[in-house]
Amino acid sequence: MKASGFVVVVAVVLAWTGVARAEPRPAQLLIWGGGKDTAEAEASLGRWQERAKKNEWDGTLKVAEGYPRIVQSDTVPGLKPGFVVVVLGACEPTAAPKVMETLKAFEPAVYVRDVTWAEPLACPQLGPEWSVVQSKSWKKKDNTLTAVLLQTPETKDPSKSTRQALRVMLRAPDGRLLGLDERSGYPGVDDFTGKEGFVPTLDGAGPTVTYLTIGGGCTGGPNVYETRVKYASDGDTLSPQVRERTLLDNSNTCDR
C-alpha cells in the first residue's frame, strides 16, 4: 500500500514539474558542460545562451524546445553521479554522431554519454541553411581561433548553385565568444575571370578566404573584385586583415 502511494506521489510531482515521462530506453545525451553544483551549470548554460544570441551556429543547428536544460546527473542512469550538467538534447544512438560532428565543429568540449532516458527523445535538428564541411582551431594561451567551413545542402534544382561560407570565431579560455566574422560566396569558376569564386584555406597558421564579388558594369560586362581576408587574433580581439583588388574594370565601356 505504501509502495503504491509512493508511485502516486512521484507521478504527481512529475506532472507538477511539467516533465514528460516515457518508457526508459537507450539514448545518447549531448552535454554542453556543467560542474559539481548548480552555480557552475548555470554559468555554463549562460555561455551557451550568450553564444547563441551572437548567432555562432546560426543556420546549422537548432535545439528542441526546452533545451538546453540543466540536469542532475544522479537522476539519469549512465551519467556519473555528483554532477550537474547542461544537456543540449537526447538522441537516438544512430542519430547522435552527425549532430555531434556539427556541435564539435563549434565547441570541441561538447561530449556525449550513453544513458537510459525516461523522457521523450529531443535531438537537435541540423540545418536548414548550412552543413559543416570542415573545421579547425588554433589554440593560444589567451584565446582560441576557430574556423568552420559551411555549405548549403545539396539540391537537384539546377537553378540553385552551391554556396559556401567561412565562419570564424574567437573564444576566451572559458568559452566566451570574443568575436565572430563570416564571409560567403560561390565556389564555382567565375565566367568572367576564370577564377574560383570562393577559396577558403584552413591549413596555415590561421584561416584565410579569397572570394569574388560582382559589381555594376556596362556593355563590356560587369566589374569583378577580389577580396582576401586573413584572420588573426590580438588578445581578445578578432582581426580580419582585408586586402581588395579589382580584377575586371568595365566602367570605361559605359555610354557617355
C-alpha atoms as a PDB file:
ATOM      1  CA  MET A   1       0.000   0.000   0.000  1.00  0.00           C
ATOM      2  CA  LYS A   2       2.903   2.314   0.880  1.00  0.00           C
ATOM      3  CA  ALA A   3       4.702   1.495  -2.379  1.00  0.00           C
ATOM      4  CA  SER A   4       1.552   2.265  -4.355  1.00  0.00           C
ATOM      5  CA  GLY A   5       1.214   5.586  -2.567  1.00  0.00           C
ATOM      6  CA  PHE A   6       4.838   6.424  -3.349  1.00  0.00           C
ATOM      7  CA  VAL A   7       4.242   5.830  -7.079  1.00  0.00           C
ATOM      8  CA  VAL A   8       1.232   8.140  -6.989  1.00  0.00           C
ATOM      9  CA  VAL A   9       3.276  10.853  -5.253  1.00  0.00           C
ATOM     10  CA  VAL A  10       6.077  10.571  -7.839  1.00  0.00           C
ATOM     11  CA  ALA A  11       3.554  10.798 -10.665  1.00  0.00           C
ATOM     12  CA  VAL A  12       2.004  13.908  -9.134  1.00  0.00           C
ATOM     13  CA  VAL A  13       5.419  15.559  -8.682  1.00  0.00           C
ATOM     14  CA  LEU A  14       6.402  14.809 -12.279  1.00  0.00           C
ATOM     15  CA  ALA A  15       3.118  16.188 -13.552  1.00  0.00           C
ATOM     16  CA  TRP A  16       3.523  19.306 -11.418  1.00  0.00           C
ATOM     17  CA  THR A  17       7.077  19.964 -12.713  1.00  0.00           C
ATOM     18  CA  GLY A  18       5.960  19.516 -16.310  1.00  0.00           C
ATOM     19  CA  VAL A  19       8.466  16.715 -17.025  1.00  0.00           C
ATOM     20  CA  ALA A  20       7.030  14.290 -19.568  1.00  0.00           C
ATOM     21  CA  ARG A  21       7.757  10.631 -18.905  1.00  0.00           C
ATOM     22  CA  ALA A  22       8.335   7.852 -21.406  1.00  0.00           C
ATOM     23  CA  GLU A  23       9.344   4.224 -21.369  1.00  0.00           C
ATOM     24  CA  PRO A  24      13.048   4.120 -20.398  1.00  0.00           C
ATOM     25  CA  ARG A  25      15.194   3.465 -23.462  1.00  0.00           C
ATOM     26  CA  PRO A  26      18.850   3.690 -24.577  1.00  0.00           C
ATOM     27  CA  ALA A  27      19.800   7.175 -25.750  1.00  0.00           C
ATOM     28  CA  GLN A  28      22.772   9.443 -26.103  1.00  0.00           C
ATOM     29  CA  LEU A  29      22.832  12.700 -24.181  1.00  0.00           C
ATOM     30  CA  LEU A  30      24.654  15.628 -25.775  1.00  0.00           C
ATOM     31  CA  ILE A  31      26.303  17.571 -22.967  1.00  0.00           C
ATOM     32  CA  TRP A  32      27.497  21.151 -23.308  1.00  0.00           C
ATOM     33  CA  GLY A  33      29.206  21.368 -19.909  1.00  0.00           C
ATOM     34  CA  GLY A  34      28.389  21.761 -16.253  1.00  0.00           C
ATOM     35  CA  GLY A  35      30.113  21.247 -12.949  1.00  0.00           C
ATOM     36  CA  LYS A  36      29.837  19.976  -9.415  1.00  0.00           C
ATOM     37  CA  ASP A  37      26.983  22.269  -8.460  1.00  0.00           C
ATOM     38  CA  THR A  38      24.091  24.247  -9.919  1.00  0.00           C
ATOM     39  CA  ALA A  39      26.055  27.505  -9.968  1.00  0.00           C
ATOM     40  CA  GLU A  40      28.691  26.022 -12.283  1.00  0.00           C
ATOM     41  CA  ALA A  41      25.997  24.534 -14.515  1.00  0.00           C
ATOM     42  CA  GLU A  42      24.180  27.877 -14.709  1.00  0.00           C
ATOM     43  CA  ALA A  43      27.421  29.599 -15.712  1.00  0.00           C
ATOM     44  CA  SER A  44      27.917  27.009 -18.459  1.00  0.00           C
ATOM     45  CA  LEU A  45      24.338  27.491 -19.648  1.00  0.00           C
ATOM     46  CA  GLY A  46      24.920  31.239 -19.719  1.00  0.00           C
ATOM     47  CA  ARG A  47      27.853  30.776 -22.085  1.00  0.00           C
ATOM     48  CA  TRP A  48      25.640  28.766 -24.447  1.00  0.00           C
ATOM     49  CA  GLN A  49      22.954  31.449 -24.364  1.00  0.00           C
ATOM     50  CA  GLU A  50      25.464  34.248 -24.968  1.00  0.00           C
ATOM     51  CA  ARG A  51      26.968  32.495 -27.979  1.00  0.00           C
ATOM     52  CA  ALA A  52      23.534  31.588 -29.350  1.00  0.00           C
ATOM     53  CA  LYS A  53      22.482  35.251 -29.215  1.00  0.00           C
ATOM     54  CA  LYS A  54      25.528  36.104 -31.351  1.00  0.00           C
ATOM     55  CA  ASN A  55      24.412  33.529 -33.964  1.00  0.00           C
ATOM     56  CA  GLU A  56      27.547  31.414 -33.671  1.00  0.00           C
ATOM     57  CA  TRP A  57      25.840  28.302 -35.079  1.00  0.00           C
ATOM     58  CA  ASP A  58      23.063  30.136 -36.900  1.00  0.00           C
ATOM     59  CA  GLY A  59      21.552  28.041 -39.704  1.00  0.00           C
ATOM     60  CA  THR A  60      23.477  24.895 -38.760  1.00  0.00           C
ATOM     61  CA  LEU A  61      21.651  23.511 -35.728  1.00  0.00           C
ATOM     62  CA  LYS A  62      18.572  24.118 -33.575  1.00  0.00           C
ATOM     63  CA  VAL A  63      17.935  22.518 -30.194  1.00  0.00           C
ATOM     64  CA  ALA A  64      14.476  21.248 -29.292  1.00  0.00           C
ATOM     65  CA  GLU A  65      12.031  23.306 -27.260  1.00  0.00           C
ATOM     66  CA  GLY A  66      13.016  23.269 -23.602  1.00  0.00           C
ATOM     67  CA  TYR A  67      16.719  22.768 -24.324  1.00  0.00           C
ATOM     68  CA  PRO A  68      19.415  23.342 -23.283  1.00  0.00           C
ATOM     69  CA  ARG A  69      18.441  22.345 -19.775  1.00  0.00           C
ATOM     70  CA  ILE A  70      20.187  21.645 -16.504  1.00  0.00           C
ATOM     71  CA  VAL A  71      20.058  18.043 -15.289  1.00  0.00           C
ATOM     72  CA  GLN A  72      21.241  16.421 -12.058  1.00  0.00           C
ATOM     73  CA  SER A  73      23.463  13.523 -13.142  1.00  0.00           C
ATOM     74  CA  ASP A  74      22.200  11.352 -10.279  1.00  0.00           C
ATOM     75  CA  THR A  75      18.769  11.206 -11.956  1.00  0.00           C
ATOM     76  CA  VAL A  76      19.996   9.682 -15.231  1.00  0.00           C
ATOM     77  CA  PRO A  77      21.384   6.119 -15.332  1.00  0.00           C
ATOM     78  CA  GLY A  78      24.632   6.214 -17.255  1.00  0.00           C
ATOM     79  CA  LEU A  79      25.857   9.593 -16.019  1.00  0.00           C
ATOM     80  CA  LYS A  80      28.486   9.832 -13.314  1.00  0.00           C
ATOM     81  CA  PRO A  81      26.742  10.811 -10.061  1.00  0.00           C
ATOM     82  CA  GLY A  82      27.598  14.020  -8.253  1.00  0.00           C
ATOM     83  CA  PHE A  83      27.478  16.486 -11.137  1.00  0.00           C
ATOM     84  CA  VAL A  84      25.057  18.999 -12.627  1.00  0.00           C
ATOM     85  CA  VAL A  85      25.214  19.108 -16.434  1.00  0.00           C
ATOM     86  CA  VAL A  86      23.828  21.206 -19.286  1.00  0.00           C
ATOM     87  CA  VAL A  87      22.078  18.905 -21.757  1.00  0.00           C
ATOM     88  CA  LEU A  88      21.579  20.010 -25.368  1.00  0.00           C
ATOM     89  CA  GLY A  89      19.399  17.069 -26.336  1.00  0.00           C
ATOM     90  CA  ALA A  90      18.671  13.360 -26.097  1.00  0.00           C
ATOM     91  CA  CYS A  91      19.174  11.456 -29.360  1.00  0.00           C
ATOM     92  CA  GLU A  92      18.737   8.021 -30.828  1.00  0.00           C
ATOM     93  CA  PRO A  93      22.203   6.441 -30.705  1.00  0.00           C
ATOM     94  CA  THR A  94      22.299   6.305 -34.510  1.00  0.00           C
ATOM     95  CA  ALA A  95      21.418   9.999 -34.851  1.00  0.00           C
ATOM     96  CA  ALA A  96      23.817  11.461 -32.298  1.00  0.00           C
ATOM     97  CA  PRO A  97      27.141  11.154 -34.229  1.00  0.00           C
ATOM     98  CA  LYS A  98      26.107  13.503 -37.041  1.00  0.00           C
ATOM     99  CA  VAL A  99      24.777  16.082 -34.588  1.00  0.00           C
ATOM    100  CA  MET A 100      27.965  15.799 -32.506  1.00  0.00           C
ATOM    101  CA  GLU A 101      30.041  16.405 -35.617  1.00  0.00           C
ATOM    102  CA  THR A 102      28.321  19.750 -36.087  1.00  0.00           C
ATOM    103  CA  LEU A 103      28.471  20.690 -32.398  1.00  0.00           C
ATOM    104  CA  LYS A 104      32.174  19.863 -32.077  1.00  0.00           C
ATOM    105  CA  ALA A 105      32.969  21.987 -35.109  1.00  0.00           C
ATOM    106  CA  PHE A 106      31.981  24.988 -32.971  1.00  0.00           C
ATOM    107  CA  GLU A 107      32.805  23.708 -29.468  1.00  0.00           C
ATOM    108  CA  PRO A 108      35.260  20.790 -29.094  1.00  0.00           C
ATOM    109  CA  ALA A 109      34.435  20.485 -25.373  1.00  0.00           C
ATOM    110  CA  VAL A 110      30.924  19.142 -26.085  1.00  0.00           C
ATOM    111  CA  TYR A 111      30.646  15.435 -25.277  1.00  0.00           C
ATOM    112  CA  VAL A 112      28.185  12.552 -25.461  1.00  0.00           C
ATOM    113  CA  ARG A 113      27.152   9.906 -22.930  1.00  0.00           C
ATOM    114  CA  ASP A 114      25.237   6.644 -23.332  1.00  0.00           C
ATOM    115  CA  VAL A 115      22.324   6.690 -20.895  1.00  0.00           C
ATOM    116  CA  THR A 116      18.947   5.206 -20.123  1.00  0.00           C
ATOM    117  CA  TRP A 117      16.489   8.030 -20.815  1.00  0.00           C
ATOM    118  CA  ALA A 118      12.976   8.067 -19.376  1.00  0.00           C
ATOM    119  CA  GLU A 119      11.707  11.122 -21.280  1.00  0.00           C
ATOM    120  CA  PRO A 120      10.761  11.714 -24.932  1.00  0.00           C
ATOM    121  CA  LEU A 121      13.790  11.967 -27.199  1.00  0.00           C
ATOM    122  CA  ALA A 122      14.653  15.515 -28.278  1.00  0.00           C
ATOM    123  CA  CYS A 123      17.592  15.515 -30.658  1.00  0.00           C
ATOM    124  CA  PRO A 124      18.783  18.857 -32.089  1.00  0.00           C
ATOM    125  CA  GLN A 125      17.834  19.437 -35.722  1.00  0.00           C
ATOM    126  CA  LEU A 126      20.585  20.052 -38.251  1.00  0.00           C
ATOM    127  CA  GLY A 127      20.427  22.844 -40.822  1.00  0.00           C
ATOM    128  CA  PRO A 128      18.368  24.053 -42.501  1.00  0.00           C
ATOM    129  CA  GLU A 129      20.657  26.570 -44.209  1.00  0.00           C
ATOM    130  CA  TRP A 130      24.144  25.167 -43.653  1.00  0.00           C
ATOM    131  CA  SER A 131      26.001  21.897 -43.092  1.00  0.00           C
ATOM    132  CA  VAL A 132      29.554  21.628 -41.772  1.00  0.00           C
ATOM    133  CA  VAL A 133      32.237  20.684 -44.303  1.00  0.00           C
ATOM    134  CA  GLN A 134      35.387  21.224 -42.241  1.00  0.00           C
ATOM    135  CA  SER A 135      36.602  22.943 -39.109  1.00  0.00           C
ATOM    136  CA  LYS A 136      39.911  23.741 -37.463  1.00  0.00           C
ATOM    137  CA  SER A 137      41.055  25.525 -34.309  1.00  0.00           C
ATOM    138  CA  TRP A 138      44.225  27.433 -33.461  1.00  0.00           C
ATOM    139  CA  LYS A 139      44.715  27.473 -29.692  1.00  0.00           C
ATOM    140  CA  LYS A 140      46.811  30.016 -27.828  1.00  0.00           C
ATOM    141  CA  LYS A 141      47.290  30.718 -24.144  1.00  0.00           C
ATOM    142  CA  ASP A 142      44.788  33.578 -24.089  1.00  0.00           C
ATOM    143  CA  ASN A 143      42.309  32.568 -26.827  1.00  0.00           C
ATOM    144  CA  THR A 144      41.204  30.007 -29.406  1.00  0.00           C
ATOM    145  CA  LEU A 145      40.580  30.869 -33.036  1.00  0.00           C
ATOM    146  CA  THR A 146      38.145  28.523 -34.793  1.00  0.00           C
ATOM    147  CA  ALA A 147      37.144  28.464 -38.451  1.00  0.00           C
ATOM    148  CA  VAL A 148      34.173  26.445 -39.719  1.00  0.00           C
ATOM    149  CA  LEU A 149      33.592  25.914 -43.429  1.00  0.00           C
ATOM    150  CA  LEU A 150      29.874  25.659 -44.203  1.00  0.00           C
ATOM    151  CA  GLN A 151      27.978  24.669 -47.320  1.00  0.00           C
ATOM    152  CA  THR A 152      24.369  24.841 -48.440  1.00  0.00           C
ATOM    153  CA  PRO A 153      22.531  21.475 -48.582  1.00  0.00           C
ATOM    154  CA  GLU A 154      22.685  19.507 -51.809  1.00  0.00           C
ATOM    155  CA  THR A 155      19.776  20.072 -54.181  1.00  0.00           C
ATOM    156  CA  LYS A 156      18.632  18.657 -57.509  1.00  0.00           C
ATOM    157  CA  ASP A 157      17.429  22.073 -58.617  1.00  0.00           C
ATOM    158  CA  PRO A 158      19.827  23.142 -61.431  1.00  0.00           C
ATOM    159  CA  SER A 159      18.954  26.804 -60.886  1.00  0.00           C
ATOM    160  CA  LYS A 160      20.415  26.774 -57.367  1.00  0.00           C
ATOM    161  CA  SER A 161      24.205  26.899 -57.088  1.00  0.00           C
ATOM    162  CA  THR A 162      26.140  25.590 -54.098  1.00  0.00           C
ATOM    163  CA  ARG A 163      27.140  28.348 -51.721  1.00  0.00           C
ATOM    164  CA  GLN A 164      29.833  28.203 -49.049  1.00  0.00           C
ATOM    165  CA  ALA A 165      30.660  30.324 -46.032  1.00  0.00           C
ATOM    166  CA  LEU A 166      33.640  30.584 -43.728  1.00  0.00           C
ATOM    167  CA  ARG A 167      32.570  31.433 -40.179  1.00  0.00           C
ATOM    168  CA  VAL A 168      35.441  32.438 -37.899  1.00  0.00           C
ATOM    169  CA  MET A 169      35.111  32.739 -34.117  1.00  0.00           C
ATOM    170  CA  LEU A 170      37.490  33.890 -31.388  1.00  0.00           C
ATOM    171  CA  ARG A 171      36.837  32.469 -27.917  1.00  0.00           C
ATOM    172  CA  ALA A 172      38.291  33.126 -24.481  1.00  0.00           C
ATOM    173  CA  PRO A 173      39.763  30.200 -22.471  1.00  0.00           C
ATOM    174  CA  ASP A 174      36.487  29.959 -20.513  1.00  0.00           C
ATOM    175  CA  GLY A 175      34.465  29.581 -23.735  1.00  0.00           C
ATOM    176  CA  ARG A 176      33.121  33.146 -24.047  1.00  0.00           C
ATOM    177  CA  LEU A 177      32.749  34.375 -27.603  1.00  0.00           C
ATOM    178  CA  LEU A 178      35.052  37.360 -28.197  1.00  0.00           C
ATOM    179  CA  GLY A 179      34.480  37.915 -31.896  1.00  0.00           C
ATOM    180  CA  LEU A 180      32.810  36.484 -35.000  1.00  0.00           C
ATOM    181  CA  ASP A 181      33.183  37.164 -38.708  1.00  0.00           C
ATOM    182  CA  GLU A 182      31.670  35.407 -41.735  1.00  0.00           C
ATOM    183  CA  ARG A 183      32.322  35.585 -45.484  1.00  0.00           C
ATOM    184  CA  SER A 184      30.389  33.684 -48.145  1.00  0.00           C
ATOM    185  CA  GLY A 185      30.398  33.066 -51.875  1.00  0.00           C
ATOM    186  CA  TYR A 186      30.020  30.572 -54.702  1.00  0.00           C
ATOM    187  CA  PRO A 187      32.944  28.141 -55.115  1.00  0.00           C
ATOM    188  CA  GLY A 188      32.432  27.571 -58.861  1.00  0.00           C
ATOM    189  CA  VAL A 189      34.653  29.101 -61.552  1.00  0.00           C
ATOM    190  CA  ASP A 190      33.679  32.656 -62.433  1.00  0.00           C
ATOM    191  CA  ASP A 191      32.716  33.063 -66.112  1.00  0.00           C
ATOM    192  CA  PHE A 192      34.360  36.475 -66.463  1.00  0.00           C
ATOM    193  CA  THR A 193      37.726  35.862 -64.771  1.00  0.00           C
ATOM    194  CA  GLY A 194      38.161  32.097 -64.946  1.00  0.00           C
ATOM    195  CA  LYS A 195      38.991  32.093 -61.217  1.00  0.00           C
ATOM    196  CA  GLU A 196      37.383  30.223 -58.345  1.00  0.00           C
ATOM    197  CA  GLY A 197      34.708  32.383 -56.775  1.00  0.00           C
ATOM    198  CA  PHE A 198      35.295  31.282 -53.169  1.00  0.00           C
ATOM    199  CA  VAL A 199      38.524  29.728 -51.849  1.00  0.00           C
ATOM    200  CA  PRO A 200      38.878  29.058 -48.090  1.00  0.00           C
ATOM    201  CA  THR A 201      42.171  27.855 -46.571  1.00  0.00           C
ATOM    202  CA  LEU A 202      42.322  26.165 -43.177  1.00  0.00           C
ATOM    203  CA  ASP A 203      45.780  24.580 -43.318  1.00  0.00           C
ATOM    204  CA  GLY A 204      48.037  27.538 -42.499  1.00  0.00           C
ATOM    205  CA  ALA A 205      48.940  29.468 -39.373  1.00  0.00           C
ATOM    206  CA  GLY A 206      45.383  30.801 -39.404  1.00  0.00           C
ATOM    207  CA  PRO A 207      42.308  30.725 -41.646  1.00  0.00           C
ATOM    208  CA  THR A 208      42.136  32.728 -44.856  1.00  0.00           C
ATOM    209  CA  VAL A 209      39.494  33.120 -47.550  1.00  0.00           C
ATOM    210  CA  THR A 210      39.565  34.655 -51.023  1.00  0.00           C
ATOM    211  CA  TYR A 211      36.303  35.431 -52.790  1.00  0.00           C
ATOM    212  CA  LEU A 212      34.975  37.356 -55.767  1.00  0.00           C
ATOM    213  CA  THR A 213      32.212  39.937 -55.859  1.00  0.00           C
ATOM    214  CA  ILE A 214      30.430  41.218 -58.957  1.00  0.00           C
ATOM    215  CA  GLY A 215      29.731  44.920 -59.283  1.00  0.00           C
ATOM    216  CA  GLY A 216      27.827  47.006 -61.774  1.00  0.00           C
ATOM    217  CA  GLY A 217      29.286  47.149 -65.257  1.00  0.00           C
ATOM    218  CA  CYS A 218      28.451  48.382 -68.720  1.00  0.00           C
ATOM    219  CA  THR A 219      28.324  46.931 -72.218  1.00  0.00           C
ATOM    220  CA  GLY A 220      31.690  45.216 -71.784  1.00  0.00           C
ATOM    221  CA  GLY A 221      30.465  43.211 -68.784  1.00  0.00           C
ATOM    222  CA  PRO A 222      30.455  43.606 -65.009  1.00  0.00           C
ATOM    223  CA  ASN A 223      33.214  44.776 -62.733  1.00  0.00           C
ATOM    224  CA  VAL A 224      34.783  41.927 -60.737  1.00  0.00           C
ATOM    225  CA  TYR A 225      36.561  42.448 -57.423  1.00  0.00           C
ATOM    226  CA  GLU A 226      38.680  40.033 -55.379  1.00  0.00           C
ATOM    227  CA  THR A 227      38.797  40.171 -51.584  1.00  0.00           C
ATOM    228  CA  ARG A 228      41.321  38.247 -49.498  1.00  0.00           C
ATOM    229  CA  VAL A 229      40.777  38.002 -45.746  1.00  0.00           C
ATOM    230  CA  LYS A 230      43.451  36.661 -43.405  1.00  0.00           C
ATOM    231  CA  TYR A 231      42.327  36.124 -39.820  1.00  0.00           C
ATOM    232  CA  ALA A 232      44.455  36.702 -36.747  1.00  0.00           C
ATOM    233  CA  SER A 233      43.894  37.497 -33.098  1.00  0.00           C
ATOM    234  CA  ASP A 234      45.260  40.180 -30.818  1.00  0.00           C
ATOM    235  CA  GLY A 235      44.441  39.264 -27.239  1.00  0.00           C
ATOM    236  CA  ASP A 236      40.649  39.347 -27.014  1.00  0.00           C
ATOM    237  CA  THR A 237      40.176  40.923 -30.458  1.00  0.00           C
ATOM    238  CA  LEU A 238      39.466  39.123 -33.735  1.00  0.00           C
ATOM    239  CA  SER A 239      41.409  40.862 -36.508  1.00  0.00           C
ATOM    240  CA  PRO A 240      40.314  40.197 -40.107  1.00  0.00           C
ATOM    241  CA  GLN A 241      43.069  41.587 -42.324  1.00  0.00           C
ATOM    242  CA  VAL A 242      41.360  42.546 -45.600  1.00  0.00           C
ATOM    243  CA  ARG A 243      43.012  43.121 -48.970  1.00  0.00           C
ATOM    244  CA  GLU A 244      40.940  44.064 -52.012  1.00  0.00           C
ATOM    245  CA  ARG A 245      41.797  44.457 -55.675  1.00  0.00           C
ATOM    246  CA  THR A 246      39.952  44.914 -58.971  1.00  0.00           C
ATOM    247  CA  LEU A 247      40.196  42.006 -61.417  1.00  0.00           C
ATOM    248  CA  LEU A 248      37.986  43.408 -64.153  1.00  0.00           C
ATOM    249  CA  ASP A 249      37.040  47.042 -64.631  1.00  0.00           C
ATOM    250  CA  ASN A 250      34.489  47.591 -67.390  1.00  0.00           C
ATOM    251  CA  SER A 251      33.463  51.062 -66.334  1.00  0.00           C
ATOM    252  CA  ASN A 252      35.250  52.511 -69.392  1.00  0.00           C
ATOM    253  CA  THR A 253      32.718  50.766 -71.676  1.00  0.00           C
ATOM    254  CA  CYS A 254      29.800  52.797 -70.346  1.00  0.00           C
ATOM    255  CA  ASP A 255      27.986  55.049 -72.775  1.00  0.00           C
ATOM    256  CA  ARG A 256      28.771  58.670 -72.249  1.00  0.00           C
END
